[in-house]
Amino acid sequence: MKVYFLGTGTSQGIPVIGSQHSVCLSEDSRDKRLRVSIWIYWEGHSYIVDCGPDFRQQMLRSKCPKIDGILYTHEHADHTAGLDDIRPFNFKQGPMPIFAHNRVIQNLRRRFDYVFEVDNRYPGAPSVIPNEIIENEPFPLGNKIAIPINIMHGNLQVFGFRIDDFAYLTDVKTIAESEVQKLKGVKTLVVNALREEPHHSHFNLEEAVAFIAKIQPEKAYLTHISHLFGFHQDIQKKLPPNVFVAYDNLEITI
């Protein structure tokens, strides 16, 4: 199984529009971050986690040839606003399966009503097949099983996902011990680390590193990174030997 980091930035991306911050002006390609998303693929199966406003650009530069489904962590725009751009996949493959909490599906229905329209449907509109993810209920994903991990993004429930020995958690601030147990034995963990200063709804660096130490994966990767965190090369120097700063277009083998 391979994991391709389509985007590793926070909700504004890096560079931030109009910003003169030194990180936003960096010429290091690793400091240029689209909104957070990954592409997971194995043995003919291909899935995206989150479909944000940079989705079209991410698909073009990754050369992703097909998507068998989209998993949504939660409804915030930086994770969902690219839904309209699934159309080229619809034209080739038909309706796109999406997997999300019922709350997220209802949110998408309100914001993208034309995607879910049955009567008087506009020709060429995107089309989806909604699949509700229920807490504590693993679900099939191709020939594998995905385990939803319930986490809290401030006061908002968010899903992380475990597939085999890989887990992807973004927008985490707190996680119940019962959910931590679902991560036991994970070898590769991806988790958010917004910046060094505390934040009301995201792990900062200290919290992310402590969480990684608790889970004890062989390798961990930080994502959902703000320009306020600093330069990629400087962040990496502060990390334990088994923790790495993810960057756009990084591909890892699980």
Protein backbone atom coordinates (compact mmCIF):
# COMPACT_ATOMS: atom_id res chain seq x y z
CA MET A 1 0.00 0.00 0.00
CA LYS A 2 1.22 3.48 -0.86
CA VAL A 3 0.25 6.82 0.63
CA TYR A 4 0.71 9.99 -1.42
CA PHE A 5 0.44 13.31 0.41
CA LEU A 6 -1.69 15.44 -1.91
CA GLY A 7 -1.64 18.36 0.53
CA THR A 8 -0.15 19.01 3.96
CA GLY A 9 -1.23 22.57 4.69
CA THR A 10 -3.81 24.10 6.95
CA SER A 11 -7.05 25.80 5.86
CA GLN A 12 -5.36 28.74 4.11
CA GLY A 13 -2.58 26.72 2.51
CA ILE A 14 0.98 27.99 2.16
CA PRO A 15 1.71 30.57 0.85
CA VAL A 16 -1.21 32.44 2.38
CA ILE A 17 -2.80 34.89 -0.06
CA GLY A 18 -1.17 38.29 0.25
CA SER A 19 1.20 37.25 3.05
CA GLN A 20 4.75 38.57 3.34
CA HIS A 21 5.61 36.02 6.06
CA SER A 22 9.05 34.52 5.46
CA VAL A 23 7.65 30.96 5.15
CA CYS A 24 5.13 32.13 2.56
CA LEU A 25 8.04 33.60 0.58
CA SER A 26 10.19 30.46 0.89
CA GLU A 27 11.64 28.99 -2.29
CA ASP A 28 11.82 25.50 -0.73
CA SER A 29 9.13 23.43 -2.47
CA ARG A 30 8.48 21.62 0.82
CA ASP A 31 7.21 24.89 2.30
CA LYS A 32 4.47 25.19 -0.33
CA ARG A 33 1.46 23.34 1.03
CA LEU A 34 -1.96 22.74 -0.50
CA ARG A 35 -4.93 21.92 1.71
CA VAL A 36 -4.61 18.64 3.55
CA SER A 37 -5.47 15.37 1.76
CA ILE A 38 -3.96 11.98 0.97
CA TRP A 39 -4.29 9.42 -1.79
CA ILE A 40 -4.08 5.77 -0.69
CA TYR A 41 -3.70 3.05 -3.29
CA TRP A 42 -2.89 -0.64 -3.48
CA GLU A 43 -3.42 -3.57 -5.87
CA GLY A 44 -5.78 -1.74 -8.21
CA HIS A 45 -7.66 0.08 -5.44
CA SER A 46 -7.51 3.86 -5.07
CA TYR A 47 -9.05 6.13 -2.42
CA ILE A 48 -8.79 9.79 -1.40
CA VAL A 49 -9.16 11.08 2.14
CA ASP A 50 -10.80 14.52 1.94
CA CYS A 51 -11.52 16.54 -1.17
CA GLY A 52 -10.64 20.16 -0.49
CA PRO A 53 -10.49 23.29 -2.67
CA ASP A 54 -7.15 22.25 -4.18
CA PHE A 55 -8.49 18.88 -5.37
CA ARG A 56 -8.23 19.61 -9.11
CA GLN A 57 -4.63 20.79 -8.84
CA GLN A 58 -3.76 17.81 -6.64
CA MET A 59 -5.21 15.33 -9.13
CA LEU A 60 -3.34 16.91 -12.03
CA ARG A 61 0.06 16.96 -10.38
CA SER A 62 -0.24 13.50 -8.77
CA LYS A 63 -1.54 12.02 -12.05
CA CYS A 64 -4.09 10.01 -10.10
CA PRO A 65 -5.82 7.89 -12.77
CA LYS A 66 -8.95 6.81 -10.88
CA ILE A 67 -10.68 7.10 -7.53
CA ASP A 68 -12.75 4.27 -6.10
CA GLY A 69 -14.10 6.44 -3.30
CA ILE A 70 -13.61 9.49 -1.11
CA LEU A 71 -13.41 9.29 2.68
CA TYR A 72 -14.32 12.45 4.56
CA THR A 73 -12.92 13.31 7.96
CA HIS A 74 -15.38 16.18 8.55
CA GLU A 75 -17.30 18.93 6.82
CA HIS A 76 -14.98 21.96 6.98
CA ALA A 77 -14.40 23.63 3.63
CA ASP A 78 -10.68 22.86 3.46
CA HIS A 79 -11.66 19.16 3.48
CA THR A 80 -14.76 19.23 1.26
CA ALA A 81 -14.88 22.24 -1.09
CA GLY A 82 -13.50 20.38 -4.12
CA LEU A 83 -16.47 18.06 -4.56
CA ASP A 84 -17.56 19.59 -7.87
CA ASP A 85 -14.23 18.64 -9.43
CA ILE A 86 -14.94 14.90 -9.23
CA ARG A 87 -16.79 15.24 -12.54
CA PRO A 88 -13.97 13.91 -14.77
CA PHE A 89 -13.95 10.75 -12.65
CA ASN A 90 -17.75 10.55 -12.94
CA PHE A 91 -17.52 10.72 -16.72
CA LYS A 92 -15.06 7.80 -16.75
CA GLN A 93 -16.31 5.73 -13.84
CA GLY A 94 -19.89 6.74 -12.99
CA PRO A 95 -21.15 7.93 -9.59
CA MET A 96 -18.44 8.37 -6.93
CA PRO A 97 -18.82 6.48 -3.64
CA ILE A 98 -18.29 8.79 -0.68
CA PHE A 99 -17.87 7.69 2.94
CA ALA A 100 -18.69 10.06 5.79
CA HIS A 101 -20.54 10.60 9.04
CA ASN A 102 -24.25 11.21 8.41
CA ARG A 103 -23.81 14.77 9.67
CA VAL A 104 -21.20 15.39 6.97
CA ILE A 105 -23.37 13.83 4.25
CA GLN A 106 -26.26 16.12 5.22
CA ASN A 107 -23.91 19.11 5.19
CA LEU A 108 -22.78 18.21 1.68
CA ARG A 109 -26.41 17.82 0.60
CA ARG A 110 -27.10 21.40 1.67
CA ARG A 111 -23.97 22.92 0.15
CA PHE A 112 -23.89 20.82 -3.04
CA ASP A 113 -27.61 20.19 -3.50
CA TYR A 114 -27.23 19.77 -7.27
CA VAL A 115 -24.85 16.82 -6.72
CA PHE A 116 -27.55 14.95 -4.79
CA GLU A 117 -30.48 16.03 -6.99
CA VAL A 118 -32.62 13.15 -8.29
CA ASP A 119 -35.43 14.96 -10.12
CA ASN A 120 -34.58 17.62 -12.71
CA ARG A 121 -30.93 16.71 -12.47
CA TYR A 122 -28.62 18.96 -14.51
CA PRO A 123 -26.82 16.91 -17.22
CA GLY A 124 -23.14 16.61 -16.41
CA ALA A 125 -23.49 17.46 -12.73
CA PRO A 126 -21.27 15.49 -10.34
CA SER A 127 -22.81 12.35 -8.89
CA VAL A 128 -22.11 10.46 -5.69
CA ILE A 129 -23.16 7.32 -3.83
CA PRO A 130 -23.32 8.24 -0.12
CA ASN A 131 -22.14 5.67 2.42
CA GLU A 132 -22.66 6.51 6.09
CA ILE A 133 -19.77 5.79 8.45
CA ILE A 134 -21.04 4.78 11.87
CA GLU A 135 -18.91 5.11 14.98
CA ASN A 136 -17.27 1.84 16.08
CA GLU A 137 -18.29 0.06 12.87
CA PRO A 138 -15.42 -0.90 10.51
CA PHE A 139 -16.38 -0.86 6.84
CA PRO A 140 -15.02 -2.49 3.66
CA LEU A 141 -12.72 -0.45 1.46
CA GLY A 142 -11.82 -2.44 -1.63
CA ASN A 143 -10.42 -5.70 -0.33
CA LYS A 144 -9.40 -4.14 2.99
CA ILE A 145 -11.22 -2.96 6.10
CA ALA A 146 -11.19 0.66 7.30
CA ILE A 147 -11.57 1.32 11.01
CA PRO A 148 -13.05 4.74 11.86
CA ILE A 149 -11.31 6.51 14.73
CA ASN A 150 -13.45 9.01 16.61
CA ILE A 151 -11.53 12.18 17.46
CA MET A 152 -12.43 15.73 18.51
CA HIS A 153 -11.54 18.89 16.60
CA GLY A 154 -12.34 21.33 19.38
CA ASN A 155 -16.05 20.62 19.91
CA LEU A 156 -16.53 18.96 16.51
CA GLN A 157 -16.46 15.20 15.99
CA VAL A 158 -14.03 14.11 13.26
CA PHE A 159 -13.17 10.69 11.84
CA GLY A 160 -9.64 9.42 11.45
CA PHE A 161 -9.02 6.13 9.69
CA ARG A 162 -6.94 3.02 10.23
CA ILE A 163 -6.25 0.65 7.34
CA ASP A 164 -4.03 -2.30 8.19
CA ASP A 165 -1.04 -0.90 10.12
CA PHE A 166 -1.51 2.64 8.81
CA ALA A 167 -3.54 5.39 10.51
CA TYR A 168 -4.40 8.89 9.36
CA LEU A 169 -5.65 11.47 11.86
CA THR A 170 -6.04 15.13 11.03
CA ASP A 171 -7.60 18.09 12.87
CA VAL A 172 -7.14 16.34 16.23
CA LYS A 173 -7.24 18.19 19.52
CA THR A 174 -8.42 15.42 21.87
CA ILE A 175 -9.05 11.69 21.60
CA ALA A 176 -10.70 9.33 24.06
CA GLU A 177 -8.72 6.44 25.49
CA SER A 178 -11.17 3.97 23.92
CA GLU A 179 -10.23 5.36 20.49
CA VAL A 180 -6.53 5.30 21.30
CA GLN A 181 -6.86 1.55 21.80
CA LYS A 182 -7.97 1.19 18.16
CA LEU A 183 -4.53 2.49 17.15
CA LYS A 184 -2.62 -0.19 19.03
CA GLY A 185 0.00 -1.80 16.76
CA VAL A 186 -0.07 0.93 14.10
CA LYS A 187 3.31 1.07 12.39
CA THR A 188 2.85 4.28 10.39
CA LEU A 189 0.89 7.19 11.86
CA VAL A 190 0.01 10.51 10.24
CA VAL A 191 -1.19 13.22 12.61
CA ASN A 192 -1.72 16.98 12.54
CA ALA A 193 0.68 19.47 14.12
CA LEU A 194 -0.43 23.00 13.35
CA ARG A 195 2.36 25.02 14.98
CA GLU A 196 4.41 25.28 18.17
CA GLU A 197 2.00 27.61 20.00
CA PRO A 198 -1.15 26.05 21.54
CA HIS A 199 -4.35 26.12 19.47
CA HIS A 200 -7.94 25.64 20.60
CA SER A 201 -8.83 22.90 18.10
CA HIS A 202 -5.57 21.41 16.76
CA PHE A 203 -2.58 19.61 18.20
CA ASN A 204 0.46 21.82 18.47
CA LEU A 205 3.92 20.30 18.13
CA GLU A 206 4.25 19.31 21.79
CA GLU A 207 0.84 17.61 21.82
CA ALA A 208 1.49 15.80 18.53
CA VAL A 209 4.88 14.45 19.66
CA ALA A 210 3.40 13.32 22.99
CA PHE A 211 0.58 11.54 21.16
CA ILE A 212 3.05 9.83 18.82
CA ALA A 213 5.07 8.66 21.83
CA LYS A 214 1.88 7.20 23.31
CA ILE A 215 0.96 5.28 20.14
CA GLN A 216 4.59 4.21 19.50
CA PRO A 217 4.48 3.73 15.72
CA GLU A 218 7.66 2.83 13.86
CA LYS A 219 7.30 6.06 11.87
CA ALA A 220 5.10 9.12 12.17
CA TYR A 221 4.46 12.02 9.81
CA LEU A 222 3.19 15.50 10.69
CA THR A 223 0.60 17.20 8.48
CA HIS A 224 -1.97 20.06 8.49
CA ILE A 225 0.90 22.51 8.98
CA SER A 226 0.60 26.30 9.26
CA HIS A 227 3.09 28.84 7.96
CA LEU A 228 3.41 29.95 11.59
CA PHE A 229 5.15 26.64 12.34
CA GLY A 230 8.24 27.78 10.44
CA PHE A 231 10.38 26.40 7.65
CA HIS A 232 10.25 22.69 6.83
CA GLN A 233 13.99 22.22 7.39
CA ASP A 234 13.82 23.91 10.80
CA ILE A 235 10.82 21.91 12.01
CA GLN A 236 12.51 18.62 11.09
CA LYS A 237 15.52 19.42 13.32
CA LYS A 238 13.23 19.58 16.37
CA LEU A 239 11.69 16.13 15.92
CA PRO A 240 12.49 12.68 17.33
CA PRO A 241 14.35 10.35 14.92
CA ASN A 242 11.18 8.46 13.89
CA VAL A 243 9.04 11.57 13.27
CA PHE A 244 9.06 13.39 9.94
CA VAL A 245 7.47 16.50 8.51
CA ALA A 246 5.26 15.44 5.62
CA TYR A 247 5.25 17.62 2.52
CA ASP A 248 3.19 17.83 -0.65
CA ASN A 249 3.94 15.06 -3.17
CA LEU A 250 5.73 12.91 -0.62
CA GLU A 251 4.94 9.24 -1.25
CA ILE A 252 5.51 6.51 1.32
CA THR A 253 5.15 2.75 1.17
CA ILE A 254 3.35 1.04 4.04
